[in-house]
Amino acid sequence: MAKTSIKKLLNEILSDDLENVYMHITTKAAEWAAAGFVEEANNLLEQLWSFNIPHSKHVWLQDEALQVIWELSGKQPKNIPFTFKDVSEIE
């Protein structure tokens, strides 16, 4: 992550903009999973979800992508905070 991205993320955390932080971490986990680092992505998500921050409605696309990856890999994180769709309905 570039220094400017880290600084921006730290500023968001300090400003209590948890929605943006949640979206950023979820997006990063989806990128990791797509790159083949499914277990690492799952660990990151489990850590995020352990803070009991309400699940963002703005990460539905990442949720669907992750669901497909979990289905294909057979590896799911614990305590997934969203309802799964039927994989055949995901475009």
PDB file of N, CA and C in Angstrom:
ATOM      1  N   MET A   1       0.852  -1.167   0.000  1.00  0.00           N
ATOM      2  CA  MET A   1       0.000   0.000   0.000  1.00  0.00           C
ATOM      3  C   MET A   1       0.900   1.233   0.000  1.00  0.00           C
ATOM      4  N   ALA A   2       0.616   2.185  -0.851  1.00  0.00           N
ATOM      5  CA  ALA A   2       1.413   3.401  -0.935  1.00  0.00           C
ATOM      6  C   ALA A   2       1.245   4.240   0.322  1.00  0.00           C
ATOM      7  N   LYS A   3       2.257   5.067   0.610  1.00  0.00           N
ATOM      8  CA  LYS A   3       2.207   5.898   1.813  1.00  0.00           C
ATOM      9  C   LYS A   3       0.975   6.793   1.836  1.00  0.00           C
ATOM     10  N   THR A   4       0.588   7.339   0.680  1.00  0.00           N
ATOM     11  CA  THR A   4      -0.590   8.208   0.656  1.00  0.00           C
ATOM     12  C   THR A   4      -1.853   7.429   0.993  1.00  0.00           C
ATOM     13  N   SER A   5      -1.940   6.171   0.562  1.00  0.00           N
ATOM     14  CA  SER A   5      -3.105   5.346   0.882  1.00  0.00           C
ATOM     15  C   SER A   5      -3.157   5.036   2.370  1.00  0.00           C
ATOM     16  N   ILE A   6      -2.008   4.737   2.951  1.00  0.00           N
ATOM     17  CA  ILE A   6      -1.951   4.462   4.390  1.00  0.00           C
ATOM     18  C   ILE A   6      -2.342   5.707   5.166  1.00  0.00           C
ATOM     19  N   LYS A   7      -1.813   6.851   4.765  1.00  0.00           N
ATOM     20  CA  LYS A   7      -2.130   8.103   5.455  1.00  0.00           C
ATOM     21  C   LYS A   7      -3.622   8.409   5.349  1.00  0.00           C
ATOM     22  N   LYS A   8      -4.195   8.205   4.165  1.00  0.00           N
ATOM     23  CA  LYS A   8      -5.626   8.442   3.979  1.00  0.00           C
ATOM     24  C   LYS A   8      -6.446   7.511   4.871  1.00  0.00           C
ATOM     25  N   LEU A   9      -6.075   6.230   4.909  1.00  0.00           N
ATOM     26  CA  LEU A   9      -6.795   5.265   5.738  1.00  0.00           C
ATOM     27  C   LEU A   9      -6.681   5.626   7.215  1.00  0.00           C
ATOM     28  N   LEU A  10      -5.500   6.003   7.659  1.00  0.00           N
ATOM     29  CA  LEU A  10      -5.325   6.414   9.055  1.00  0.00           C
ATOM     30  C   LEU A  10      -6.170   7.640   9.376  1.00  0.00           C
ATOM     31  N   ASN A  11      -6.248   8.593   8.455  1.00  0.00           N
ATOM     32  CA  ASN A  11      -7.089   9.774   8.670  1.00  0.00           C
ATOM     33  C   ASN A  11      -8.559   9.393   8.764  1.00  0.00           C
ATOM     34  N   GLU A  12      -8.999   8.426   7.955  1.00  0.00           N
ATOM     35  CA  GLU A  12     -10.388   7.965   8.024  1.00  0.00           C
ATOM     36  C   GLU A  12     -10.673   7.305   9.368  1.00  0.00           C
ATOM     37  N   ILE A  13      -9.726   6.511   9.842  1.00  0.00           N
ATOM     38  CA  ILE A  13      -9.898   5.867  11.146  1.00  0.00           C
ATOM     39  C   ILE A  13      -9.986   6.921  12.237  1.00  0.00           C
ATOM     40  N   LEU A  14      -9.085   7.898  12.187  1.00  0.00           N
ATOM     41  CA  LEU A  14      -9.074   8.953  13.202  1.00  0.00           C
ATOM     42  C   LEU A  14     -10.326   9.812  13.148  1.00  0.00           C
ATOM     43  N   SER A  15     -10.927   9.954  11.969  1.00  0.00           N
ATOM     44  CA  SER A  15     -12.128  10.777  11.842  1.00  0.00           C
ATOM     45  C   SER A  15     -13.398   9.980  12.123  1.00  0.00           C
ATOM     46  N   ASP A  16     -13.239   8.743  12.560  1.00  0.00           N
ATOM     47  CA  ASP A  16     -14.370   7.867  12.877  1.00  0.00           C
ATOM     48  C   ASP A  16     -15.211   7.517  11.656  1.00  0.00           C
ATOM     49  N   ASP A  17     -14.632   7.550  10.469  1.00  0.00           N
ATOM     50  CA  ASP A  17     -15.364   7.159   9.271  1.00  0.00           C
ATOM     51  C   ASP A  17     -15.218   5.651   9.087  1.00  0.00           C
ATOM     52  N   LEU A  18     -15.860   4.903   9.970  1.00  0.00           N
ATOM     53  CA  LEU A  18     -15.724   3.447   9.961  1.00  0.00           C
ATOM     54  C   LEU A  18     -16.309   2.802   8.713  1.00  0.00           C
ATOM     55  N   GLU A  19     -17.294   3.448   8.116  1.00  0.00           N
ATOM     56  CA  GLU A  19     -17.890   2.904   6.886  1.00  0.00           C
ATOM     57  C   GLU A  19     -16.832   2.796   5.790  1.00  0.00           C
ATOM     58  N   ASN A  20     -16.039   3.852   5.611  1.00  0.00           N
ATOM     59  CA  ASN A  20     -14.987   3.820   4.587  1.00  0.00           C
ATOM     60  C   ASN A  20     -13.905   2.808   4.929  1.00  0.00           C
ATOM     61  N   VAL A  21     -13.554   2.716   6.192  1.00  0.00           N
ATOM     62  CA  VAL A  21     -12.552   1.741   6.620  1.00  0.00           C
ATOM     63  C   VAL A  21     -13.066   0.328   6.353  1.00  0.00           C
ATOM     64  N   TYR A  22     -14.322   0.074   6.697  1.00  0.00           N
ATOM     65  CA  TYR A  22     -14.941  -1.233   6.476  1.00  0.00           C
ATOM     66  C   TYR A  22     -14.922  -1.585   4.988  1.00  0.00           C
ATOM     67  N   MET A  23     -15.306  -0.621   4.149  1.00  0.00           N
ATOM     68  CA  MET A  23     -15.322  -0.860   2.707  1.00  0.00           C
ATOM     69  C   MET A  23     -13.915  -1.116   2.182  1.00  0.00           C
ATOM     70  N   HIS A  24     -12.944  -0.357   2.663  1.00  0.00           N
ATOM     71  CA  HIS A  24     -11.558  -0.515   2.215  1.00  0.00           C
ATOM     72  C   HIS A  24     -11.027  -1.910   2.567  1.00  0.00           C
ATOM     73  N   ILE A  25     -11.248  -2.338   3.789  1.00  0.00           N
ATOM     74  CA  ILE A  25     -10.739  -3.641   4.226  1.00  0.00           C
ATOM     75  C   ILE A  25     -11.446  -4.775   3.489  1.00  0.00           C
ATOM     76  N   THR A  26     -12.747  -4.652   3.293  1.00  0.00           N
ATOM     77  CA  THR A  26     -13.492  -5.683   2.566  1.00  0.00           C
ATOM     78  C   THR A  26     -13.016  -5.781   1.118  1.00  0.00           C
ATOM     79  N   THR A  27     -12.789  -4.641   0.497  1.00  0.00           N
ATOM     80  CA  THR A  27     -12.284  -4.622  -0.876  1.00  0.00           C
ATOM     81  C   THR A  27     -10.906  -5.263  -0.953  1.00  0.00           C
ATOM     82  N   LYS A  28     -10.048  -4.942  -0.004  1.00  0.00           N
ATOM     83  CA  LYS A  28      -8.701  -5.524   0.020  1.00  0.00           C
ATOM     84  C   LYS A  28      -8.784  -7.044   0.190  1.00  0.00           C
ATOM     85  N   ALA A  29      -9.671  -7.515   1.051  1.00  0.00           N
ATOM     86  CA  ALA A  29      -9.834  -8.960   1.249  1.00  0.00           C
ATOM     87  C   ALA A  29     -10.313  -9.631  -0.036  1.00  0.00           C
ATOM     88  N   ALA A  30     -11.229  -8.989  -0.753  1.00  0.00           N
ATOM     89  CA  ALA A  30     -11.707  -9.551  -2.019  1.00  0.00           C
ATOM     90  C   ALA A  30     -10.571  -9.630  -3.038  1.00  0.00           C
ATOM     91  N   GLU A  31      -9.719  -8.609  -3.060  1.00  0.00           N
ATOM     92  CA  GLU A  31      -8.563  -8.621  -3.966  1.00  0.00           C
ATOM     93  C   GLU A  31      -7.611  -9.765  -3.606  1.00  0.00           C
ATOM     94  N   TRP A  32      -7.339  -9.925  -2.326  1.00  0.00           N
ATOM     95  CA  TRP A  32      -6.451 -11.009  -1.881  1.00  0.00           C
ATOM     96  C   TRP A  32      -7.023 -12.362  -2.279  1.00  0.00           C
ATOM     97  N   ALA A  33      -8.324 -12.546  -2.035  1.00  0.00           N
ATOM     98  CA  ALA A  33      -8.959 -13.828  -2.351  1.00  0.00           C
ATOM     99  C   ALA A  33      -8.901 -14.101  -3.852  1.00  0.00           C
ATOM    100  N   ALA A  34      -9.159 -13.077  -4.658  1.00  0.00           N
ATOM    101  CA  ALA A  34      -9.112 -13.236  -6.111  1.00  0.00           C
ATOM    102  C   ALA A  34      -7.702 -13.579  -6.592  1.00  0.00           C
ATOM    103  N   ALA A  35      -6.698 -13.119  -5.850  1.00  0.00           N
ATOM    104  CA  ALA A  35      -5.301 -13.401  -6.198  1.00  0.00           C
ATOM    105  C   ALA A  35      -4.848 -14.769  -5.691  1.00  0.00           C
ATOM    106  N   GLY A  36      -5.749 -15.479  -5.002  1.00  0.00           N
ATOM    107  CA  GLY A  36      -5.415 -16.816  -4.528  1.00  0.00           C
ATOM    108  C   GLY A  36      -5.073 -16.909  -3.056  1.00  0.00           C
ATOM    109  N   PHE A  37      -5.099 -15.787  -2.363  1.00  0.00           N
ATOM    110  CA  PHE A  37      -4.786 -15.774  -0.933  1.00  0.00           C
ATOM    111  C   PHE A  37      -6.082 -15.836  -0.121  1.00  0.00           C
ATOM    112  N   VAL A  38      -6.822 -16.921  -0.318  1.00  0.00           N
ATOM    113  CA  VAL A  38      -8.154 -17.054   0.282  1.00  0.00           C
ATOM    114  C   VAL A  38      -8.070 -17.130   1.803  1.00  0.00           C
ATOM    115  N   GLU A  39      -7.172 -17.923   2.333  1.00  0.00           N
ATOM    116  CA  GLU A  39      -7.067 -18.056   3.790  1.00  0.00           C
ATOM    117  C   GLU A  39      -6.666 -16.734   4.441  1.00  0.00           C
ATOM    118  N   GLU A  40      -5.754 -16.006   3.812  1.00  0.00           N
ATOM    119  CA  GLU A  40      -5.344 -14.707   4.355  1.00  0.00           C
ATOM    120  C   GLU A  40      -6.495 -13.708   4.296  1.00  0.00           C
ATOM    121  N   ALA A  41      -7.244 -13.735   3.200  1.00  0.00           N
ATOM    122  CA  ALA A  41      -8.406 -12.857   3.072  1.00  0.00           C
ATOM    123  C   ALA A  41      -9.455 -13.203   4.127  1.00  0.00           C
ATOM    124  N   ASN A  42      -9.687 -14.488   4.329  1.00  0.00           N
ATOM    125  CA  ASN A  42     -10.652 -14.914   5.341  1.00  0.00           C
ATOM    126  C   ASN A  42     -10.224 -14.472   6.734  1.00  0.00           C
ATOM    127  N   ASN A  43      -8.938 -14.576   7.022  1.00  0.00           N
ATOM    128  CA  ASN A  43      -8.429 -14.137   8.318  1.00  0.00           C
ATOM    129  C   ASN A  43      -8.649 -12.634   8.497  1.00  0.00           C
ATOM    130  N   LEU A  44      -8.363 -11.860   7.452  1.00  0.00           N
ATOM    131  CA  LEU A  44      -8.575 -10.411   7.516  1.00  0.00           C
ATOM    132  C   LEU A  44     -10.044 -10.097   7.782  1.00  0.00           C
ATOM    133  N   LEU A  45     -10.941 -10.775   7.082  1.00  0.00           N
ATOM    134  CA  LEU A  45     -12.373 -10.546   7.276  1.00  0.00           C
ATOM    135  C   LEU A  45     -12.830 -10.966   8.668  1.00  0.00           C
ATOM    136  N   GLU A  46     -12.338 -12.095   9.161  1.00  0.00           N
ATOM    137  CA  GLU A  46     -12.700 -12.524  10.516  1.00  0.00           C
ATOM    138  C   GLU A  46     -12.275 -11.478  11.542  1.00  0.00           C
ATOM    139  N   GLN A  47     -11.108 -10.896  11.344  1.00  0.00           N
ATOM    140  CA  GLN A  47     -10.640  -9.848  12.260  1.00  0.00           C
ATOM    141  C   GLN A  47     -11.547  -8.625  12.171  1.00  0.00           C
ATOM    142  N   LEU A  48     -11.904  -8.224  10.962  1.00  0.00           N
ATOM    143  CA  LEU A  48     -12.798  -7.077  10.772  1.00  0.00           C
ATOM    144  C   LEU A  48     -14.145  -7.332  11.440  1.00  0.00           C
ATOM    145  N   TRP A  49     -14.713  -8.496  11.181  1.00  0.00           N
ATOM    146  CA  TRP A  49     -16.036  -8.812  11.712  1.00  0.00           C
ATOM    147  C   TRP A  49     -16.028  -8.985  13.224  1.00  0.00           C
ATOM    148  N   SER A  50     -14.888  -9.263  13.811  1.00  0.00           N
ATOM    149  CA  SER A  50     -14.818  -9.444  15.266  1.00  0.00           C
ATOM    150  C   SER A  50     -15.073  -8.141  16.019  1.00  0.00           C
ATOM    151  N   PHE A  51     -14.992  -7.011  15.324  1.00  0.00           N
ATOM    152  CA  PHE A  51     -15.249  -5.717  15.964  1.00  0.00           C
ATOM    153  C   PHE A  51     -16.738  -5.398  16.033  1.00  0.00           C
ATOM    154  N   ASN A  52     -17.566  -6.268  15.447  1.00  0.00           N
ATOM    155  CA  ASN A  52     -19.024  -6.108  15.469  1.00  0.00           C
ATOM    156  C   ASN A  52     -19.490  -4.767  14.911  1.00  0.00           C
ATOM    157  N   ILE A  53     -18.801  -4.295  13.891  1.00  0.00           N
ATOM    158  CA  ILE A  53     -19.230  -3.098  13.166  1.00  0.00           C
ATOM    159  C   ILE A  53     -20.363  -3.545  12.247  1.00  0.00           C
ATOM    160  N   PRO A  54     -21.451  -2.784  12.159  1.00  0.00           N
ATOM    161  CA  PRO A  54     -22.538  -3.199  11.263  1.00  0.00           C
ATOM    162  C   PRO A  54     -22.023  -3.416   9.835  1.00  0.00           C
ATOM    163  N   HIS A  55     -22.479  -4.496   9.225  1.00  0.00           N
ATOM    164  CA  HIS A  55     -22.022  -4.831   7.870  1.00  0.00           C
ATOM    165  C   HIS A  55     -22.488  -3.755   6.890  1.00  0.00           C
ATOM    166  N   SER A  56     -21.576  -3.276   6.070  1.00  0.00           N
ATOM    167  CA  SER A  56     -21.869  -2.207   5.116  1.00  0.00           C
ATOM    168  C   SER A  56     -22.713  -2.709   3.955  1.00  0.00           C
ATOM    169  N   LYS A  57     -23.732  -1.942   3.616  1.00  0.00           N
ATOM    170  CA  LYS A  57     -24.552  -2.274   2.450  1.00  0.00           C
ATOM    171  C   LYS A  57     -23.839  -1.898   1.152  1.00  0.00           C
ATOM    172  N   HIS A  58     -22.708  -1.198   1.267  1.00  0.00           N
ATOM    173  CA  HIS A  58     -21.974  -0.734   0.093  1.00  0.00           C
ATOM    174  C   HIS A  58     -20.943  -1.744  -0.411  1.00  0.00           C
ATOM    175  N   VAL A  59     -20.873  -2.907   0.210  1.00  0.00           N
ATOM    176  CA  VAL A  59     -19.899  -3.915  -0.227  1.00  0.00           C
ATOM    177  C   VAL A  59     -20.592  -5.160  -0.794  1.00  0.00           C
ATOM    178  N   TRP A  60     -21.790  -4.980  -1.314  1.00  0.00           N
ATOM    179  CA  TRP A  60     -22.545  -6.123  -1.828  1.00  0.00           C
ATOM    180  C   TRP A  60     -21.815  -6.812  -2.980  1.00  0.00           C
ATOM    181  N   LEU A  61     -21.122  -6.046  -3.821  1.00  0.00           N
ATOM    182  CA  LEU A  61     -20.404  -6.658  -4.938  1.00  0.00           C
ATOM    183  C   LEU A  61     -19.234  -7.503  -4.431  1.00  0.00           C
ATOM    184  N   GLN A  62     -18.509  -6.981  -3.443  1.00  0.00           N
ATOM    185  CA  GLN A  62     -17.424  -7.747  -2.832  1.00  0.00           C
ATOM    186  C   GLN A  62     -17.977  -8.991  -2.149  1.00  0.00           C
ATOM    187  N   ASP A  63     -19.127  -8.839  -1.473  1.00  0.00           N
ATOM    188  CA  ASP A  63     -19.763  -9.989  -0.818  1.00  0.00           C
ATOM    189  C   ASP A  63     -20.045 -11.103  -1.827  1.00  0.00           C
ATOM    190  N   GLU A  64     -20.600 -10.726  -2.968  1.00  0.00           N
ATOM    191  CA  GLU A  64     -20.923 -11.723  -3.985  1.00  0.00           C
ATOM    192  C   GLU A  64     -19.658 -12.360  -4.557  1.00  0.00           C
ATOM    193  N   ALA A  65     -18.647 -11.547  -4.813  1.00  0.00           N
ATOM    194  CA  ALA A  65     -17.385 -12.088  -5.337  1.00  0.00           C
ATOM    195  C   ALA A  65     -16.767 -13.063  -4.343  1.00  0.00           C
ATOM    196  N   LEU A  66     -16.757 -12.674  -3.079  1.00  0.00           N
ATOM    197  CA  LEU A  66     -16.198 -13.547  -2.047  1.00  0.00           C
ATOM    198  C   LEU A  66     -16.999 -14.838  -1.936  1.00  0.00           C
ATOM    199  N   GLN A  67     -18.317 -14.729  -2.027  1.00  0.00           N
ATOM    200  CA  GLN A  67     -19.147 -15.926  -1.933  1.00  0.00           C
ATOM    201  C   GLN A  67     -18.796 -16.919  -3.041  1.00  0.00           C
ATOM    202  N   VAL A  68     -18.591 -16.435  -4.257  1.00  0.00           N
ATOM    203  CA  VAL A  68     -18.221 -17.320  -5.369  1.00  0.00           C
ATOM    204  C   VAL A  68     -16.860 -17.958  -5.097  1.00  0.00           C
ATOM    205  N   ILE A  69     -15.907 -17.154  -4.631  1.00  0.00           N
ATOM    206  CA  ILE A  69     -14.569 -17.680  -4.331  1.00  0.00           C
ATOM    207  C   ILE A  69     -14.643 -18.732  -3.230  1.00  0.00           C
ATOM    208  N   TRP A  70     -15.425 -18.472  -2.193  1.00  0.00           N
ATOM    209  CA  TRP A  70     -15.567 -19.450  -1.107  1.00  0.00           C
ATOM    210  C   TRP A  70     -16.189 -20.739  -1.618  1.00  0.00           C
ATOM    211  N   GLU A  71     -17.171 -20.605  -2.489  1.00  0.00           N
ATOM    212  CA  GLU A  71     -17.832 -21.787  -3.051  1.00  0.00           C
ATOM    213  C   GLU A  71     -16.833 -22.625  -3.853  1.00  0.00           C
ATOM    214  N   LEU A  72     -16.021 -21.968  -4.659  1.00  0.00           N
ATOM    215  CA  LEU A  72     -15.050 -22.676  -5.501  1.00  0.00           C
ATOM    216  C   LEU A  72     -13.896 -23.267  -4.701  1.00  0.00           C
ATOM    217  N   SER A  73     -13.459 -22.546  -3.673  1.00  0.00           N
ATOM    218  CA  SER A  73     -12.295 -22.994  -2.897  1.00  0.00           C
ATOM    219  C   SER A  73     -12.664 -23.947  -1.767  1.00  0.00           C
ATOM    220  N   GLY A  74     -13.920 -23.900  -1.350  1.00  0.00           N
ATOM    221  CA  GLY A  74     -14.332 -24.708  -0.207  1.00  0.00           C
ATOM    222  C   GLY A  74     -13.816 -24.168   1.117  1.00  0.00           C
ATOM    223  N   LYS A  75     -13.387 -22.907   1.123  1.00  0.00           N
ATOM    224  CA  LYS A  75     -12.845 -22.279   2.339  1.00  0.00           C
ATOM    225  C   LYS A  75     -13.673 -21.047   2.672  1.00  0.00           C
ATOM    226  N   GLN A  76     -14.361 -21.098   3.820  1.00  0.00           N
ATOM    227  CA  GLN A  76     -15.172 -19.968   4.267  1.00  0.00           C
ATOM    228  C   GLN A  76     -14.681 -19.479   5.615  1.00  0.00           C
ATOM    229  N   PRO A  77     -14.765 -18.160   5.844  1.00  0.00           N
ATOM    230  CA  PRO A  77     -14.436 -17.646   7.171  1.00  0.00           C
ATOM    231  C   PRO A  77     -15.577 -17.939   8.139  1.00  0.00           C
ATOM    232  N   LYS A  78     -15.310 -17.716   9.407  1.00  0.00           N
ATOM    233  CA  LYS A  78     -16.338 -17.889  10.438  1.00  0.00           C
ATOM    234  C   LYS A  78     -17.157 -16.609  10.558  1.00  0.00           C
ATOM    235  N   ASN A  79     -18.384 -16.758  11.013  1.00  0.00           N
ATOM    236  CA  ASN A  79     -19.250 -15.631  11.379  1.00  0.00           C
ATOM    237  C   ASN A  79     -19.483 -14.638  10.249  1.00  0.00           C
ATOM    238  N   ILE A  80     -19.822 -15.132   9.081  1.00  0.00           N
ATOM    239  CA  ILE A  80     -20.098 -14.266   7.929  1.00  0.00           C
ATOM    240  C   ILE A  80     -21.342 -13.434   8.241  1.00  0.00           C
ATOM    241  N   PRO A  81     -21.248 -12.083   8.150  1.00  0.00           N
ATOM    242  CA  PRO A  81     -22.347 -11.224   8.603  1.00  0.00           C
ATOM    243  C   PRO A  81     -23.386 -10.877   7.535  1.00  0.00           C
ATOM    244  N   PHE A  82     -23.413 -11.597   6.439  1.00  0.00           N
ATOM    245  CA  PHE A  82     -24.398 -11.303   5.409  1.00  0.00           C
ATOM    246  C   PHE A  82     -25.019 -12.604   4.917  1.00  0.00           C
ATOM    247  N   THR A  83     -26.184 -12.477   4.319  1.00  0.00           N
ATOM    248  CA  THR A  83     -26.919 -13.631   3.817  1.00  0.00           C
ATOM    249  C   THR A  83     -26.412 -13.994   2.426  1.00  0.00           C
ATOM    250  N   PHE A  84     -26.184 -15.262   2.215  1.00  0.00           N
ATOM    251  CA  PHE A  84     -25.719 -15.727   0.910  1.00  0.00           C
ATOM    252  C   PHE A  84     -26.848 -15.688  -0.111  1.00  0.00           C
ATOM    253  N   LYS A  85     -26.470 -15.410  -1.349  1.00  0.00           N
ATOM    254  CA  LYS A  85     -27.378 -15.544  -2.481  1.00  0.00           C
ATOM    255  C   LYS A  85     -27.125 -16.914  -3.099  1.00  0.00           C
ATOM    256  N   ASP A  86     -28.064 -17.357  -3.898  1.00  0.00           N
ATOM    257  CA  ASP A  86     -27.836 -18.566  -4.682  1.00  0.00           C
ATOM    258  C   ASP A  86     -26.743 -18.228  -5.691  1.00  0.00           C
ATOM    259  N   VAL A  87     -25.679 -19.016  -5.720  1.00  0.00           N
ATOM    260  CA  VAL A  87     -24.534 -18.719  -6.586  1.00  0.00           C
ATOM    261  C   VAL A  87     -24.959 -18.608  -8.048  1.00  0.00           C
ATOM    262  N   SER A  88     -25.949 -19.363  -8.457  1.00  0.00           N
ATOM    263  CA  SER A  88     -26.399 -19.303  -9.852  1.00  0.00           C
ATOM    264  C   SER A  88     -27.061 -17.966 -10.188  1.00  0.00           C
ATOM    265  N   GLU A  89     -27.434 -17.187  -9.175  1.00  0.00           N
ATOM    266  CA  GLU A  89     -28.045 -15.873  -9.396  1.00  0.00           C
ATOM    267  C   GLU A  89     -27.023 -14.744  -9.426  1.00  0.00           C
ATOM    268  N   ILE A  90     -25.786 -15.038  -9.090  1.00  0.00           N
ATOM    269  CA  ILE A  90     -24.743 -14.014  -9.089  1.00  0.00           C
ATOM    270  C   ILE A  90     -24.208 -13.874 -10.503  1.00  0.00           C
ATOM    271  N   GLU A  91     -24.197 -12.636 -11.003  1.00  0.00           N
ATOM    272  CA  GLU A  91     -23.727 -12.391 -12.378  1.00  0.00           C
ATOM    273  C   GLU A  91     -22.263 -12.070 -12.409  1.00  0.00           C
TER     274      GLU A  91
END
